[in-house]
Protein backbone atom coordinates (compact mmCIF):
# COMPACT_ATOMS: atom_id res chain seq x y z
CA MET A 1 -12.49 -56.34 33.37
CA LEU A 2 -11.83 -57.77 30.02
CA LEU A 3 -8.37 -56.24 30.18
CA ILE A 4 -7.90 -57.90 33.48
CA ARG A 5 -8.61 -61.15 32.00
CA ASN A 6 -6.48 -60.70 29.05
CA LEU A 7 -3.53 -59.70 30.77
CA ASN A 8 -4.33 -62.88 33.17
CA LEU A 9 -4.39 -60.76 36.34
CA ASN A 10 -7.63 -62.14 37.50
CA ASN A 11 -5.70 -63.49 40.85
CA MET A 12 -4.08 -60.14 41.41
CA VAL A 13 -6.78 -57.55 40.68
CA GLU A 14 -10.35 -57.04 41.93
CA VAL A 15 -12.75 -54.28 40.67
CA PHE A 16 -15.56 -53.30 43.08
CA VAL A 17 -18.29 -51.07 42.19
CA ASN A 18 -20.23 -49.48 45.01
CA PRO A 19 -19.44 -52.28 47.74
CA PRO A 20 -21.26 -52.10 50.98
CA ASN A 21 -18.27 -53.29 53.01
CA ILE A 22 -15.34 -50.65 52.19
CA PRO A 23 -13.60 -50.85 55.55
CA ASP A 24 -13.33 -54.57 55.15
CA ILE A 25 -12.28 -54.45 51.78
CA LEU A 26 -9.46 -51.66 52.58
CA LYS A 27 -8.28 -54.05 55.50
CA SER A 28 -7.28 -56.68 52.82
CA CYS A 29 -5.36 -54.29 50.61
CA ASP A 30 -1.88 -53.42 50.60
CA ILE A 31 -1.88 -50.14 48.56
CA TYR A 32 -4.40 -47.74 47.84
CA LEU A 33 -4.43 -46.08 44.03
CA SER A 34 -6.37 -43.18 43.09
CA THR A 35 -5.99 -42.08 39.55
CA SER A 36 -8.87 -39.57 39.60
CA LEU A 37 -8.73 -36.84 37.11
CA PHE A 38 -10.82 -34.45 39.12
CA GLU A 39 -11.18 -34.41 42.95
CA GLY A 40 -12.17 -32.20 45.94
CA LEU A 41 -11.08 -33.48 49.42
CA SER A 42 -11.17 -37.30 48.65
CA ASN A 43 -13.42 -39.23 51.11
CA SER A 44 -12.12 -42.56 49.33
CA ILE A 45 -8.26 -41.67 50.17
CA MET A 46 -9.39 -40.78 53.64
CA GLU A 47 -10.95 -43.92 54.18
CA ALA A 48 -7.74 -45.91 52.81
CA MET A 49 -5.71 -43.62 55.12
CA VAL A 50 -8.01 -44.71 58.29
CA ALA A 51 -7.48 -48.31 57.23
CA GLY A 52 -3.52 -47.62 57.28
CA LEU A 53 -2.83 -47.87 53.65
CA PRO A 54 -0.02 -46.24 51.58
CA ILE A 55 -1.62 -44.03 49.02
CA ILE A 56 -0.50 -43.26 45.27
CA ALA A 57 -2.80 -40.49 43.78
CA THR A 58 -3.07 -38.27 41.13
CA ASN A 59 -2.14 -34.41 41.51
CA VAL A 60 -5.65 -33.24 41.59
CA GLY A 61 -7.97 -31.46 43.83
CA ASP A 62 -6.85 -31.40 47.70
CA ASN A 63 -4.90 -34.88 47.16
CA GLN A 64 -1.69 -32.87 48.23
CA TYR A 65 -3.23 -32.16 51.63
CA LEU A 66 -3.69 -35.83 52.39
CA VAL A 67 -0.73 -37.50 50.55
CA LYS A 68 2.73 -36.18 51.76
CA GLU A 69 5.24 -37.22 49.08
CA SER A 70 7.53 -40.01 50.43
CA TYR A 71 5.75 -39.87 53.79
CA ASN A 72 2.37 -41.67 53.45
CA GLY A 73 2.57 -42.20 49.62
CA PHE A 74 3.17 -40.64 46.36
CA ILE A 75 1.55 -37.75 44.07
CA VAL A 76 1.80 -38.61 40.39
CA PRO A 77 0.68 -36.55 37.41
CA CYS A 78 -2.46 -37.36 35.81
CA LYS A 79 -2.58 -39.81 33.32
CA ASP A 80 1.25 -40.63 33.58
CA ILE A 81 1.26 -44.18 33.46
CA ASN A 82 4.89 -44.63 33.76
CA ALA A 83 4.89 -42.54 37.13
CA ILE A 84 1.94 -44.71 38.48
CA VAL A 85 3.47 -48.04 37.54
CA ASP A 86 6.98 -46.83 38.98
CA LYS A 87 5.41 -45.91 42.38
CA LEU A 88 3.21 -49.40 42.47
CA GLU A 89 6.39 -51.39 41.58
CA TYR A 90 8.31 -49.48 44.43
CA LEU A 91 5.60 -50.03 46.96
CA SER A 92 5.30 -53.61 46.02
CA ASP A 93 8.91 -54.33 46.30
CA PHE A 94 9.37 -52.82 49.80
CA GLU A 95 6.87 -54.02 52.45
CA ASP A 96 8.66 -52.07 55.09
CA VAL A 97 8.07 -48.80 53.22
CA ARG A 98 4.44 -49.78 52.74
CA LYS A 99 3.93 -50.46 56.44
CA GLU A 100 5.71 -47.12 57.24
CA PHE A 101 3.65 -45.19 54.71
CA GLY A 102 0.53 -46.82 56.09
CA GLN A 103 1.13 -45.87 59.60
CA ASN A 104 1.98 -42.24 58.46
CA SER A 105 -1.30 -42.24 56.76
CA HIS A 106 -3.21 -43.22 59.85
CA ILE A 107 -1.30 -40.57 61.90
CA ILE A 108 -2.16 -37.76 59.22
CA ILE A 109 -5.81 -38.60 59.43
CA GLU A 110 -5.75 -38.60 63.30
CA GLN A 111 -4.00 -35.60 63.61
CA GLY A 112 -5.52 -33.56 60.94
CA PHE A 113 -8.97 -35.10 60.20
CA SER A 114 -10.42 -36.28 63.27
CA GLU A 115 -13.92 -35.70 64.50
CA GLU A 116 -12.30 -33.52 67.31
CA LYS A 117 -10.08 -31.57 65.00
CA LEU A 118 -13.22 -30.89 62.70
CA LEU A 119 -15.25 -29.63 65.74
CA GLU A 120 -12.25 -27.62 67.01
CA SER A 121 -12.12 -26.04 63.33
CA TYR A 122 -15.69 -25.14 63.15
CA PHE A 123 -15.48 -23.59 66.69
CA LYS A 124 -12.60 -21.62 65.40
CA LEU A 125 -14.52 -20.51 62.19
CA PHE A 126 -17.63 -19.50 64.19
CA SER A 127 -15.70 -17.77 66.96
CA ASN A 128 -14.02 -15.69 64.25
CA MET A 129 -17.31 -14.90 62.54
CA LEU A 130 -18.69 -13.63 65.77
CA LYS A 131 -15.69 -11.27 66.40
CA SER A 132 -16.02 -9.80 62.69
């Protein structure tokens, strides 16, 4: 937070640690950035997608299943500051792309990760187990 203050970014950057109202916070955002070094299937990215945000995420874990390059966001190499800044600048400059990517994020979640899809997948898994 000292860096944010030193760079005079107080009006542009907020840091949240374990907030109780994540959906409300996400609704006020324009872009979701995940710079994880290790990840599974990221709940935080999925929450941002439900909120209809464009995503920039590092190429770790299962992020590539959530973020479709140039469709709902961008996958960037870990620790590649230049790539992260480039994608942030691009999305910051083009509101129409942010909105399109955000809508696409929501579509991906609805089509592939809804409760209905989850139950369907479990049913299929259990059915296949019974056949074996």
